[in-house]
Amino acid sequence: MRVISLKRNPKTYSCKAYLILGDWNRLEDVNTLVDVGSDGFIIDEIDKTATGLGKNPIDQVVLTHNHFDHTRGLPEILRKYNPRVYAFGTNGGANERLEDGQIIRMGDRDFCVVHTPAHSNDSICLYCAEERVIFSGDTPLKILTSEGTYEPAFLSFLEWLAGIELKAIYSGHDTPVLSNGSRIIRRTLANTKAAMEHQQQTHAGGSPEYQVS
């Protein structure tokens, strides 16, 4: 599997889009875009990339969620390459619906769709056990402080992820983490637990101005 982090338009707020190819550009490999950004800026770079002789440069698009910085460039991608478009739920512009736990082929590897509604209700991550990599969209996997509010389902997801020997994390905005991804996940898990414990203690004690002596 090859992952190409496509350049963003420096004049426009946009997510990072990733092009996933097979190692050898075989006909059966599924050339995949994870997210498309907020304009068609990535098209020029895609057209300059060797994506396989006789193959459509983009067979499919997988959207991590329906926010504009991840999806607004979709019409230009559709006009140029006419790919299938996958998303969780009723994501705008998608013609194929993904389900939690579904396996989808990207490049020459299988990925598991993991519904992770920590950022938005339709957010997903894409996890490849063979390569030990995850595409996280805007799901927060690099939490550096013990502040914030989190749901138990997100904590359960982090606990599951912390039990995996994760190598790489490809996020929607941060620089990709290409090694020791598990170390980042363990720190994120610890900070999330601390934040949730603080939240529970605050709720149990109540706000000082409303306490009855």
N, C-alpha and C. Protein backbone atom coordinates (compact mmCIF):
# COMPACT_ATOMS: atom_id res chain seq x y z
N MET A 1 0.84 -1.20 0.00
CA MET A 1 0.00 0.00 0.00
C MET A 1 0.87 1.24 0.00
N ARG A 2 0.50 2.20 -0.82
CA ARG A 2 1.18 3.50 -0.83
C ARG A 2 0.17 4.58 -0.44
N VAL A 3 0.61 5.48 0.42
CA VAL A 3 -0.24 6.59 0.86
C VAL A 3 0.44 7.89 0.45
N ILE A 4 -0.27 8.70 -0.31
CA ILE A 4 0.25 10.00 -0.74
C ILE A 4 -0.58 11.09 -0.08
N SER A 5 0.08 11.90 0.74
CA SER A 5 -0.57 13.04 1.38
C SER A 5 -0.60 14.20 0.38
N LEU A 6 -1.76 14.51 -0.13
CA LEU A 6 -1.88 15.50 -1.20
C LEU A 6 -1.77 16.92 -0.65
N LYS A 7 -1.17 17.78 -1.44
CA LYS A 7 -0.95 19.17 -1.00
C LYS A 7 -2.27 19.92 -0.94
N ARG A 8 -2.37 20.82 0.04
CA ARG A 8 -3.55 21.68 0.18
C ARG A 8 -3.32 23.03 -0.46
N ASN A 9 -4.41 23.65 -0.88
CA ASN A 9 -4.35 25.01 -1.40
C ASN A 9 -3.98 25.96 -0.25
N PRO A 10 -2.85 26.65 -0.33
CA PRO A 10 -2.43 27.51 0.78
C PRO A 10 -3.35 28.72 0.98
N LYS A 11 -4.22 28.99 0.02
CA LYS A 11 -5.11 30.15 0.10
C LYS A 11 -6.50 29.78 0.62
N THR A 12 -6.73 28.49 0.88
CA THR A 12 -8.07 28.03 1.25
C THR A 12 -7.99 27.12 2.47
N TYR A 13 -8.93 27.26 3.40
CA TYR A 13 -9.00 26.35 4.53
C TYR A 13 -9.51 25.00 4.04
N SER A 14 -8.73 23.97 4.26
CA SER A 14 -9.09 22.65 3.75
C SER A 14 -8.46 21.58 4.63
N CYS A 15 -9.03 20.37 4.55
CA CYS A 15 -8.44 19.23 5.25
C CYS A 15 -7.30 18.66 4.41
N LYS A 16 -6.63 17.68 4.98
CA LYS A 16 -5.67 16.89 4.22
C LYS A 16 -6.42 15.76 3.51
N ALA A 17 -6.17 15.62 2.22
CA ALA A 17 -6.72 14.51 1.45
C ALA A 17 -5.60 13.51 1.18
N TYR A 18 -5.94 12.23 1.21
CA TYR A 18 -4.94 11.17 1.03
C TYR A 18 -5.31 10.30 -0.17
N LEU A 19 -4.33 10.02 -1.00
CA LEU A 19 -4.50 9.12 -2.13
C LEU A 19 -3.87 7.78 -1.75
N ILE A 20 -4.67 6.72 -1.79
CA ILE A 20 -4.20 5.38 -1.42
C ILE A 20 -4.14 4.51 -2.67
N LEU A 21 -2.95 3.98 -2.94
CA LEU A 21 -2.71 3.15 -4.11
C LEU A 21 -2.14 1.81 -3.67
N GLY A 22 -2.21 0.82 -4.56
CA GLY A 22 -1.53 -0.44 -4.31
C GLY A 22 -0.04 -0.30 -4.58
N ASP A 23 0.74 -1.22 -4.03
CA ASP A 23 2.19 -1.16 -4.21
C ASP A 23 2.62 -1.23 -5.66
N TRP A 24 1.84 -1.97 -6.48
CA TRP A 24 2.27 -2.22 -7.86
C TRP A 24 1.29 -1.69 -8.90
N ASN A 25 0.31 -0.90 -8.48
CA ASN A 25 -0.67 -0.33 -9.42
C ASN A 25 -1.32 -1.41 -10.29
N ARG A 26 -1.70 -2.52 -9.68
CA ARG A 26 -2.37 -3.58 -10.42
C ARG A 26 -3.79 -3.16 -10.80
N LEU A 27 -4.31 -3.80 -11.83
CA LEU A 27 -5.66 -3.46 -12.29
C LEU A 27 -6.69 -3.66 -11.20
N GLU A 28 -6.48 -4.66 -10.34
CA GLU A 28 -7.48 -4.94 -9.30
C GLU A 28 -7.35 -4.04 -8.09
N ASP A 29 -6.27 -3.27 -7.98
CA ASP A 29 -6.14 -2.33 -6.86
C ASP A 29 -7.19 -1.23 -6.98
N VAL A 30 -7.67 -0.76 -5.83
CA VAL A 30 -8.75 0.22 -5.81
C VAL A 30 -8.17 1.59 -5.44
N ASN A 31 -7.90 2.42 -6.43
CA ASN A 31 -7.36 3.75 -6.17
C ASN A 31 -8.39 4.56 -5.39
N THR A 32 -7.99 5.06 -4.23
CA THR A 32 -8.96 5.63 -3.29
C THR A 32 -8.50 6.99 -2.78
N LEU A 33 -9.43 7.92 -2.73
CA LEU A 33 -9.22 9.19 -2.05
C LEU A 33 -9.93 9.15 -0.71
N VAL A 34 -9.20 9.43 0.36
CA VAL A 34 -9.85 9.64 1.67
C VAL A 34 -9.98 11.14 1.85
N ASP A 35 -11.23 11.61 1.77
CA ASP A 35 -11.58 13.04 1.79
C ASP A 35 -11.05 13.74 0.53
N VAL A 36 -11.64 14.89 0.24
CA VAL A 36 -11.30 15.57 -1.03
C VAL A 36 -10.90 17.02 -0.84
N GLY A 37 -11.07 17.56 0.37
CA GLY A 37 -10.75 18.97 0.57
C GLY A 37 -11.88 19.89 0.16
N SER A 38 -11.62 21.17 0.27
CA SER A 38 -12.68 22.17 0.05
C SER A 38 -12.69 22.75 -1.36
N ASP A 39 -11.79 22.29 -2.24
CA ASP A 39 -11.81 22.74 -3.63
C ASP A 39 -11.16 21.64 -4.48
N GLY A 40 -10.93 21.91 -5.75
CA GLY A 40 -10.34 20.91 -6.63
C GLY A 40 -8.83 20.99 -6.73
N PHE A 41 -8.20 21.60 -5.75
CA PHE A 41 -6.76 21.84 -5.80
C PHE A 41 -5.95 20.56 -5.96
N ILE A 42 -6.44 19.45 -5.41
CA ILE A 42 -5.68 18.20 -5.43
C ILE A 42 -5.65 17.54 -6.81
N ILE A 43 -6.50 17.96 -7.72
CA ILE A 43 -6.60 17.29 -9.02
C ILE A 43 -5.29 17.34 -9.79
N ASP A 44 -4.63 18.47 -9.78
CA ASP A 44 -3.38 18.60 -10.53
C ASP A 44 -2.34 17.60 -10.04
N GLU A 45 -2.23 17.43 -8.73
CA GLU A 45 -1.25 16.49 -8.18
C GLU A 45 -1.64 15.05 -8.50
N ILE A 46 -2.93 14.74 -8.43
CA ILE A 46 -3.39 13.40 -8.78
C ILE A 46 -3.02 13.07 -10.22
N ASP A 47 -3.25 14.03 -11.12
CA ASP A 47 -2.97 13.79 -12.54
C ASP A 47 -1.48 13.60 -12.82
N LYS A 48 -0.62 14.08 -11.94
CA LYS A 48 0.82 13.92 -12.13
C LYS A 48 1.36 12.67 -11.44
N THR A 49 0.47 11.92 -10.78
CA THR A 49 0.88 10.73 -10.04
C THR A 49 0.64 9.48 -10.89
N ALA A 50 1.58 8.55 -10.86
CA ALA A 50 1.43 7.28 -11.57
C ALA A 50 0.44 6.41 -10.81
N THR A 51 -0.78 6.34 -11.32
CA THR A 51 -1.85 5.61 -10.63
C THR A 51 -2.21 4.30 -11.32
N GLY A 52 -1.46 3.91 -12.33
CA GLY A 52 -1.70 2.62 -12.98
C GLY A 52 -2.14 2.77 -14.42
N LEU A 53 -1.44 2.10 -15.32
CA LEU A 53 -1.76 2.16 -16.74
C LEU A 53 -3.12 1.52 -17.02
N GLY A 54 -3.97 2.27 -17.71
CA GLY A 54 -5.30 1.75 -18.06
C GLY A 54 -6.29 1.79 -16.91
N LYS A 55 -5.92 2.44 -15.81
CA LYS A 55 -6.80 2.51 -14.65
C LYS A 55 -7.37 3.91 -14.49
N ASN A 56 -8.56 3.99 -13.90
CA ASN A 56 -9.09 5.27 -13.50
C ASN A 56 -8.23 5.80 -12.35
N PRO A 57 -7.71 7.02 -12.43
CA PRO A 57 -6.87 7.52 -11.33
C PRO A 57 -7.55 7.46 -9.97
N ILE A 58 -8.88 7.67 -9.95
CA ILE A 58 -9.64 7.59 -8.69
C ILE A 58 -10.84 6.67 -8.91
N ASP A 59 -10.80 5.48 -8.30
CA ASP A 59 -11.94 4.56 -8.39
C ASP A 59 -13.02 4.90 -7.39
N GLN A 60 -12.60 5.37 -6.21
CA GLN A 60 -13.59 5.65 -5.17
C GLN A 60 -13.09 6.75 -4.25
N VAL A 61 -14.05 7.40 -3.61
CA VAL A 61 -13.80 8.39 -2.57
C VAL A 61 -14.45 7.89 -1.29
N VAL A 62 -13.73 8.00 -0.18
CA VAL A 62 -14.30 7.67 1.13
C VAL A 62 -14.24 8.94 1.97
N LEU A 63 -15.39 9.42 2.39
CA LEU A 63 -15.49 10.65 3.18
C LEU A 63 -15.53 10.30 4.67
N THR A 64 -14.68 10.95 5.45
CA THR A 64 -14.67 10.66 6.88
C THR A 64 -15.81 11.34 7.62
N HIS A 65 -16.35 12.43 7.08
CA HIS A 65 -17.55 13.07 7.61
C HIS A 65 -17.93 14.21 6.67
N ASN A 66 -19.05 14.86 6.97
CA ASN A 66 -19.68 15.76 6.01
C ASN A 66 -19.40 17.23 6.27
N HIS A 67 -18.25 17.60 6.80
CA HIS A 67 -17.92 19.02 6.97
C HIS A 67 -17.30 19.57 5.68
N PHE A 68 -17.53 20.86 5.44
CA PHE A 68 -17.20 21.44 4.14
C PHE A 68 -15.74 21.31 3.76
N ASP A 69 -14.84 21.39 4.74
CA ASP A 69 -13.41 21.34 4.42
C ASP A 69 -12.96 19.94 4.00
N HIS A 70 -13.84 18.96 4.15
CA HIS A 70 -13.55 17.59 3.71
C HIS A 70 -14.32 17.21 2.45
N THR A 71 -15.36 17.95 2.09
CA THR A 71 -16.27 17.49 1.04
C THR A 71 -16.55 18.49 -0.07
N ARG A 72 -16.29 19.77 0.13
CA ARG A 72 -16.76 20.77 -0.84
C ARG A 72 -16.12 20.60 -2.23
N GLY A 73 -14.94 20.00 -2.28
CA GLY A 73 -14.30 19.77 -3.58
C GLY A 73 -14.83 18.56 -4.33
N LEU A 74 -15.84 17.88 -3.77
CA LEU A 74 -16.33 16.65 -4.39
C LEU A 74 -16.89 16.84 -5.80
N PRO A 75 -17.69 17.89 -6.09
CA PRO A 75 -18.20 18.02 -7.46
C PRO A 75 -17.10 18.03 -8.53
N GLU A 76 -15.99 18.68 -8.27
CA GLU A 76 -14.91 18.70 -9.26
C GLU A 76 -14.26 17.33 -9.40
N ILE A 77 -14.14 16.60 -8.30
CA ILE A 77 -13.61 15.23 -8.37
C ILE A 77 -14.56 14.33 -9.17
N LEU A 78 -15.86 14.50 -8.96
CA LEU A 78 -16.84 13.69 -9.68
C LEU A 78 -16.79 13.99 -11.18
N ARG A 79 -16.70 15.26 -11.53
CA ARG A 79 -16.63 15.62 -12.96
C ARG A 79 -15.37 15.06 -13.62
N LYS A 80 -14.28 15.06 -12.89
CA LYS A 80 -13.00 14.64 -13.47
C LYS A 80 -12.86 13.12 -13.55
N TYR A 81 -13.26 12.40 -12.49
CA TYR A 81 -12.95 10.97 -12.40
C TYR A 81 -14.18 10.05 -12.30
N ASN A 82 -15.34 10.60 -11.98
CA ASN A 82 -16.58 9.83 -11.83
C ASN A 82 -16.41 8.62 -10.91
N PRO A 83 -15.90 8.82 -9.70
CA PRO A 83 -15.70 7.68 -8.79
C PRO A 83 -16.98 7.33 -8.03
N ARG A 84 -16.98 6.15 -7.41
CA ARG A 84 -17.98 5.87 -6.39
C ARG A 84 -17.64 6.71 -5.16
N VAL A 85 -18.65 7.07 -4.39
CA VAL A 85 -18.42 7.90 -3.20
C VAL A 85 -19.07 7.22 -2.00
N TYR A 86 -18.26 6.91 -1.00
CA TYR A 86 -18.72 6.22 0.21
C TYR A 86 -18.70 7.17 1.40
N ALA A 87 -19.70 7.02 2.26
CA ALA A 87 -19.75 7.80 3.49
C ALA A 87 -20.67 7.10 4.47
N PHE A 88 -20.54 7.48 5.74
CA PHE A 88 -21.40 6.93 6.78
C PHE A 88 -22.70 7.71 6.81
N GLY A 89 -23.80 7.01 6.95
CA GLY A 89 -25.09 7.70 7.04
C GLY A 89 -25.48 8.33 5.72
N THR A 90 -26.04 9.52 5.81
CA THR A 90 -26.54 10.21 4.62
C THR A 90 -25.62 11.37 4.26
N ASN A 91 -24.34 11.12 4.22
CA ASN A 91 -23.35 12.15 3.93
C ASN A 91 -23.60 12.75 2.55
N GLY A 92 -23.58 14.08 2.44
CA GLY A 92 -23.89 14.76 1.20
C GLY A 92 -22.95 14.37 0.07
N GLY A 93 -23.52 14.01 -1.08
CA GLY A 93 -22.73 13.68 -2.24
C GLY A 93 -22.37 12.22 -2.36
N ALA A 94 -22.58 11.44 -1.32
CA ALA A 94 -22.22 10.02 -1.36
C ALA A 94 -23.32 9.20 -2.04
N ASN A 95 -22.91 8.17 -2.79
CA ASN A 95 -23.90 7.28 -3.40
C ASN A 95 -23.79 5.85 -2.86
N GLU A 96 -22.87 5.63 -1.92
CA GLU A 96 -22.73 4.33 -1.26
C GLU A 96 -22.64 4.57 0.24
N ARG A 97 -23.46 3.84 0.99
CA ARG A 97 -23.51 4.05 2.44
C ARG A 97 -22.64 3.02 3.16
N LEU A 98 -21.80 3.52 4.08
CA LEU A 98 -20.95 2.66 4.90
C LEU A 98 -21.63 2.34 6.22
N GLU A 99 -21.28 1.20 6.79
CA GLU A 99 -21.80 0.79 8.08
C GLU A 99 -20.63 0.54 9.03
N ASP A 100 -20.88 0.72 10.31
CA ASP A 100 -19.87 0.43 11.33
C ASP A 100 -19.46 -1.04 11.23
N GLY A 101 -18.15 -1.29 11.17
CA GLY A 101 -17.64 -2.65 11.07
C GLY A 101 -17.50 -3.17 9.66
N GLN A 102 -17.95 -2.41 8.67
CA GLN A 102 -17.85 -2.85 7.28
C GLN A 102 -16.39 -2.88 6.83
N ILE A 103 -16.04 -3.83 5.97
CA ILE A 103 -14.71 -3.91 5.38
C ILE A 103 -14.76 -3.33 3.98
N ILE A 104 -13.83 -2.42 3.69
CA ILE A 104 -13.76 -1.80 2.38
C ILE A 104 -12.34 -1.89 1.85
N ARG A 105 -12.20 -2.21 0.59
CA ARG A 105 -10.89 -2.31 -0.04
C ARG A 105 -10.42 -0.93 -0.47
N MET A 106 -9.19 -0.58 -0.06
CA MET A 106 -8.59 0.69 -0.47
C MET A 106 -7.16 0.39 -0.89
N GLY A 107 -6.79 0.77 -2.13
CA GLY A 107 -5.50 0.37 -2.65
C GLY A 107 -5.47 -1.14 -2.78
N ASP A 108 -4.51 -1.78 -2.12
CA ASP A 108 -4.43 -3.25 -2.12
C ASP A 108 -4.58 -3.82 -0.72
N ARG A 109 -5.31 -3.10 0.15
CA ARG A 109 -5.49 -3.54 1.53
C ARG A 109 -6.97 -3.41 1.93
N ASP A 110 -7.34 -4.19 2.94
CA ASP A 110 -8.69 -4.10 3.50
C ASP A 110 -8.68 -3.19 4.73
N PHE A 111 -9.69 -2.35 4.82
CA PHE A 111 -9.85 -1.43 5.95
C PHE A 111 -11.20 -1.69 6.61
N CYS A 112 -11.21 -1.52 7.92
CA CYS A 112 -12.45 -1.63 8.68
C CYS A 112 -12.99 -0.23 8.97
N VAL A 113 -14.27 -0.05 8.73
CA VAL A 113 -14.95 1.22 9.03
C VAL A 113 -15.32 1.23 10.51
N VAL A 114 -14.89 2.26 11.23
CA VAL A 114 -15.19 2.38 12.66
C VAL A 114 -15.93 3.69 12.88
N HIS A 115 -17.18 3.60 13.29
CA HIS A 115 -17.97 4.80 13.56
C HIS A 115 -17.46 5.44 14.84
N THR A 116 -17.03 6.69 14.77
CA THR A 116 -16.43 7.39 15.91
C THR A 116 -17.04 8.78 16.05
N PRO A 117 -18.24 8.90 16.63
CA PRO A 117 -18.94 10.19 16.66
C PRO A 117 -18.45 11.16 17.72
N ALA A 118 -17.12 11.28 17.86
CA ALA A 118 -16.59 12.25 18.83
C ALA A 118 -16.53 13.65 18.25
N HIS A 119 -16.36 13.75 16.93
CA HIS A 119 -16.26 15.06 16.27
C HIS A 119 -17.59 15.46 15.66
N SER A 120 -18.25 14.52 15.01
CA SER A 120 -19.58 14.73 14.44
C SER A 120 -20.30 13.39 14.44
N ASN A 121 -21.62 13.41 14.30
CA ASN A 121 -22.39 12.17 14.39
C ASN A 121 -22.08 11.20 13.26
N ASP A 122 -21.56 11.70 12.15
CA ASP A 122 -21.29 10.83 11.00
C ASP A 122 -19.80 10.55 10.81
N SER A 123 -18.98 10.86 11.80
CA SER A 123 -17.53 10.66 11.66
C SER A 123 -17.16 9.19 11.71
N ILE A 124 -16.18 8.82 10.88
CA ILE A 124 -15.63 7.47 10.88
C ILE A 124 -14.11 7.53 10.87
N CYS A 125 -13.50 6.44 11.34
CA CYS A 125 -12.09 6.17 11.12
C CYS A 125 -11.99 4.94 10.22
N LEU A 126 -10.85 4.79 9.59
CA LEU A 126 -10.60 3.66 8.68
C LEU A 126 -9.33 2.98 9.14
N TYR A 127 -9.46 1.72 9.58
CA TYR A 127 -8.33 1.03 10.21
C TYR A 127 -7.92 -0.19 9.39
N CYS A 128 -6.61 -0.31 9.11
CA CYS A 128 -6.06 -1.45 8.39
C CYS A 128 -5.18 -2.24 9.35
N ALA A 129 -5.62 -3.44 9.71
CA ALA A 129 -4.88 -4.27 10.65
C ALA A 129 -3.56 -4.75 10.05
N GLU A 130 -3.55 -5.05 8.76
CA GLU A 130 -2.34 -5.57 8.12
C GLU A 130 -1.21 -4.55 8.14
N GLU A 131 -1.53 -3.30 7.88
CA GLU A 131 -0.53 -2.23 7.84
C GLU A 131 -0.38 -1.52 9.19
N ARG A 132 -1.34 -1.76 10.10
CA ARG A 132 -1.35 -1.10 11.42
C ARG A 132 -1.43 0.42 11.29
N VAL A 133 -2.34 0.87 10.42
CA VAL A 133 -2.51 2.30 10.19
C VAL A 133 -3.99 2.65 10.34
N ILE A 134 -4.24 3.93 10.66
CA ILE A 134 -5.61 4.42 10.77
C ILE A 134 -5.71 5.79 10.12
N PHE A 135 -6.79 5.99 9.37
CA PHE A 135 -7.14 7.30 8.85
C PHE A 135 -8.25 7.83 9.75
N SER A 136 -7.99 8.95 10.41
CA SER A 136 -8.87 9.36 11.51
C SER A 136 -9.78 10.54 11.20
N GLY A 137 -9.65 11.15 10.01
CA GLY A 137 -10.47 12.32 9.75
C GLY A 137 -10.26 13.35 10.84
N ASP A 138 -11.34 13.85 11.42
CA ASP A 138 -11.23 14.82 12.51
C ASP A 138 -11.51 14.20 13.88
N THR A 139 -11.57 12.89 13.96
CA THR A 139 -11.67 12.24 15.27
C THR A 139 -10.40 12.54 16.05
N PRO A 140 -10.50 13.09 17.26
CA PRO A 140 -9.31 13.56 17.98
C PRO A 140 -8.50 12.40 18.58
N LEU A 141 -7.41 12.05 17.94
CA LEU A 141 -6.55 10.98 18.43
C LEU A 141 -5.26 11.51 19.05
N LYS A 142 -5.07 12.83 19.02
CA LYS A 142 -3.87 13.42 19.60
C LYS A 142 -4.30 14.50 20.59
N ILE A 143 -4.74 14.06 21.76
CA ILE A 143 -5.23 14.95 22.81
C ILE A 143 -4.10 15.20 23.79
N LEU A 144 -3.67 16.44 23.90
CA LEU A 144 -2.46 16.77 24.64
C LEU A 144 -2.72 17.28 26.06
N THR A 145 -3.99 17.54 26.40
CA THR A 145 -4.31 18.05 27.73
C THR A 145 -5.42 17.22 28.35
N SER A 146 -5.60 17.35 29.65
CA SER A 146 -6.65 16.61 30.36
C SER A 146 -7.88 17.49 30.55
N GLU A 147 -8.18 18.30 29.54
CA GLU A 147 -9.36 19.17 29.56
C GLU A 147 -10.32 18.70 28.48
N GLY A 148 -11.54 19.19 28.56
CA GLY A 148 -12.51 18.85 27.54
C GLY A 148 -13.59 17.92 28.07
N THR A 149 -14.60 17.68 27.22
CA THR A 149 -15.73 16.83 27.56
C THR A 149 -15.82 15.71 26.54
N TYR A 150 -15.91 14.47 27.02
CA TYR A 150 -15.92 13.32 26.14
C TYR A 150 -17.01 12.34 26.56
N GLU A 151 -17.49 11.59 25.59
CA GLU A 151 -18.53 10.61 25.85
C GLU A 151 -17.91 9.23 26.15
N PRO A 152 -18.61 8.40 26.91
CA PRO A 152 -18.10 7.06 27.21
C PRO A 152 -17.79 6.23 25.96
N ALA A 153 -18.57 6.40 24.91
CA ALA A 153 -18.32 5.63 23.68
C ALA A 153 -16.97 5.98 23.07
N PHE A 154 -16.57 7.25 23.18
CA PHE A 154 -15.26 7.65 22.68
C PHE A 154 -14.15 7.04 23.52
N LEU A 155 -14.34 7.00 24.82
CA LEU A 155 -13.36 6.36 25.70
C LEU A 155 -13.22 4.88 25.35
N SER A 156 -14.31 4.21 25.09
CA SER A 156 -14.27 2.79 24.72
C SER A 156 -13.49 2.59 23.43
N PHE A 157 -13.69 3.49 22.47
CA PHE A 157 -12.96 3.42 21.22
C PHE A 157 -11.46 3.58 21.46
N LEU A 158 -11.08 4.54 22.29
CA LEU A 158 -9.66 4.76 22.58
C LEU A 158 -9.05 3.55 23.30
N GLU A 159 -9.81 2.95 24.21
CA GLU A 159 -9.31 1.77 24.92
C GLU A 159 -9.08 0.62 23.94
N TRP A 160 -9.98 0.46 22.99
CA TRP A 160 -9.79 -0.56 21.96
C TRP A 160 -8.56 -0.26 21.13
N LEU A 161 -8.41 1.00 20.74
CA LEU A 161 -7.28 1.39 19.89
C LEU A 161 -5.96 1.25 20.64
N ALA A 162 -5.97 1.51 21.93
CA ALA A 162 -4.75 1.40 22.73
C ALA A 162 -4.29 -0.04 22.85
N GLY A 163 -5.18 -0.99 22.62
CA GLY A 163 -4.82 -2.40 22.68
C GLY A 163 -4.24 -2.93 21.39
N ILE A 164 -4.12 -2.06 20.38
CA ILE A 164 -3.60 -2.44 19.07
C ILE A 164 -2.20 -1.85 18.92
N GLU A 165 -1.30 -2.59 18.32
CA GLU A 165 0.03 -2.06 18.04
C GLU A 165 -0.05 -1.20 16.79
N LEU A 166 -0.40 0.07 16.99
CA LEU A 166 -0.65 0.98 15.89
C LEU A 166 0.64 1.66 15.44
N LYS A 167 0.85 1.68 14.13
CA LYS A 167 2.06 2.29 13.58
C LYS A 167 1.81 3.74 13.16
N ALA A 168 0.89 3.95 12.24
CA ALA A 168 0.72 5.27 11.62
C ALA A 168 -0.68 5.81 11.84
N ILE A 169 -0.76 7.14 11.96
CA ILE A 169 -2.03 7.85 12.09
C ILE A 169 -2.06 8.94 11.02
N TYR A 170 -3.05 8.85 10.14
CA TYR A 170 -3.23 9.87 9.10
C TYR A 170 -4.48 10.67 9.46
N SER A 171 -4.27 11.87 9.98
CA SER A 171 -5.40 12.68 10.45
C SER A 171 -5.83 13.68 9.39
N GLY A 172 -6.98 14.29 9.65
CA GLY A 172 -7.55 15.21 8.68
C GLY A 172 -6.86 16.55 8.59
N HIS A 173 -6.04 16.91 9.59
CA HIS A 173 -5.40 18.22 9.57
C HIS A 173 -3.94 18.19 10.04
N ASP A 174 -3.60 17.30 10.95
CA ASP A 174 -2.24 17.27 11.48
C ASP A 174 -1.28 16.58 10.52
N THR A 175 0.01 16.79 10.74
CA THR A 175 1.03 16.06 10.01
C THR A 175 0.90 14.57 10.33
N PRO A 176 0.93 13.70 9.33
CA PRO A 176 0.80 12.27 9.60
C PRO A 176 1.86 11.76 10.58
N VAL A 177 1.45 10.87 11.45
CA VAL A 177 2.37 10.18 12.36
C VAL A 177 2.72 8.85 11.69
N LEU A 178 3.99 8.65 11.38
CA LEU A 178 4.40 7.49 10.59
C LEU A 178 5.04 6.38 11.40
N SER A 179 5.24 6.60 12.69
CA SER A 179 5.78 5.56 13.56
C SER A 179 5.33 5.81 14.99
N ASN A 180 5.31 4.75 15.80
CA ASN A 180 4.95 4.85 17.22
C ASN A 180 3.59 5.49 17.45
N GLY A 181 2.64 5.17 16.58
CA GLY A 181 1.30 5.71 16.76
C GLY A 181 0.67 5.30 18.08
N SER A 182 1.01 4.10 18.56
CA SER A 182 0.43 3.61 19.81
C SER A 182 0.82 4.50 20.98
N ARG A 183 2.01 5.05 20.96
CA ARG A 183 2.44 5.93 22.05
C ARG A 183 1.53 7.15 22.14
N ILE A 184 1.15 7.71 21.01
CA ILE A 184 0.25 8.87 20.99
C ILE A 184 -1.13 8.47 21.49
N ILE A 185 -1.60 7.30 21.09
CA ILE A 185 -2.92 6.84 21.52
C ILE A 185 -2.95 6.63 23.03
N ARG A 186 -1.89 6.06 23.59
CA ARG A 186 -1.86 5.84 25.05
C ARG A 186 -1.90 7.17 25.80
N ARG A 187 -1.20 8.17 25.29
CA ARG A 187 -1.23 9.48 25.94
C ARG A 187 -2.61 10.12 25.80
N THR A 188 -3.21 9.97 24.64
CA THR A 188 -4.57 10.49 24.43
C THR A 188 -5.56 9.81 25.36
N LEU A 189 -5.43 8.50 25.52
CA LEU A 189 -6.32 7.76 26.41
C LEU A 189 -6.18 8.25 27.85
N ALA A 190 -4.94 8.44 28.30
CA ALA A 190 -4.72 8.91 29.68
C ALA A 190 -5.32 10.29 29.88
N ASN A 191 -5.13 11.19 28.93
CA ASN A 191 -5.67 12.54 29.05
C ASN A 191 -7.20 12.55 29.00
N THR A 192 -7.76 11.68 28.18
CA THR A 192 -9.22 11.59 28.09
C THR A 192 -9.81 11.06 29.39
N LYS A 193 -9.19 10.05 29.95
CA LYS A 193 -9.66 9.51 31.23
C LYS A 193 -9.60 10.57 32.33
N ALA A 194 -8.49 11.31 32.36
CA ALA A 194 -8.34 12.36 33.38
C ALA A 194 -9.41 13.43 33.21
N ALA A 195 -9.70 13.81 31.98
CA ALA A 195 -10.72 14.82 31.72
C ALA A 195 -12.10 14.33 32.14
N MET A 196 -12.39 13.06 31.87
CA MET A 196 -13.70 12.51 32.24
C MET A 196 -13.83 12.38 33.75
N GLU A 197 -12.75 11.99 34.41
CA GLU A 197 -12.78 11.91 35.87
C GLU A 197 -13.02 13.28 36.50
N HIS A 198 -12.35 14.28 35.95
CA HIS A 198 -12.55 15.65 36.45
C HIS A 198 -13.99 16.09 36.22
N GLN A 199 -14.53 15.75 35.06
CA GLN A 199 -15.90 16.11 34.74
C GLN A 199 -16.88 15.45 35.72
N GLN A 200 -16.65 14.18 36.04
CA GLN A 200 -17.52 13.46 36.97
C GLN A 200 -17.44 14.06 38.38
N GLN A 201 -16.23 14.41 38.80
CA GLN A 201 -16.06 15.00 40.13
C GLN A 201 -16.75 16.36 40.22
N THR A 202 -16.66 17.12 39.14
CA THR A 202 -17.31 18.44 39.12
C THR A 202 -18.82 18.29 39.23
N HIS A 203 -19.38 17.34 38.47
CA HIS A 203 -20.83 17.13 38.50
C HIS A 203 -21.27 16.60 39.86
N ALA A 204 -20.44 15.74 40.46
CA ALA A 204 -20.82 15.17 41.76
C ALA A 204 -20.77 16.23 42.86
N GLY A 205 -19.81 17.15 42.79
CA GLY A 205 -19.69 18.17 43.81
C GLY A 205 -20.62 19.34 43.61
N GLY A 206 -21.01 19.58 42.35
CA GLY A 206 -21.84 20.73 42.04
C GLY A 206 -21.04 22.00 42.00
N SER A 207 -21.60 23.04 41.51
CA SER A 207 -20.93 24.35 41.46
C SER A 207 -21.00 24.99 42.83
N PRO A 208 -19.90 25.57 43.30
CA PRO A 208 -19.85 26.13 44.66
C PRO A 208 -20.98 27.09 44.97
N GLU A 209 -21.38 27.91 44.01
CA GLU A 209 -22.38 28.93 44.31
C GLU A 209 -23.76 28.34 44.54
N TYR A 210 -23.95 27.06 44.15
CA TYR A 210 -25.26 26.44 44.33
C TYR A 210 -25.26 25.38 45.43
N GLN A 211 -24.12 25.16 46.10
CA GLN A 211 -24.07 24.17 47.15
C GLN A 211 -24.82 24.66 48.40
N VAL A 212 -25.47 23.73 49.06
CA VAL A 212 -26.21 24.05 50.28
C VAL A 212 -25.38 23.60 51.48
N SER A 213 -25.10 24.51 52.39
CA SER A 213 -24.29 24.17 53.57
C SER A 213 -25.17 23.59 54.66
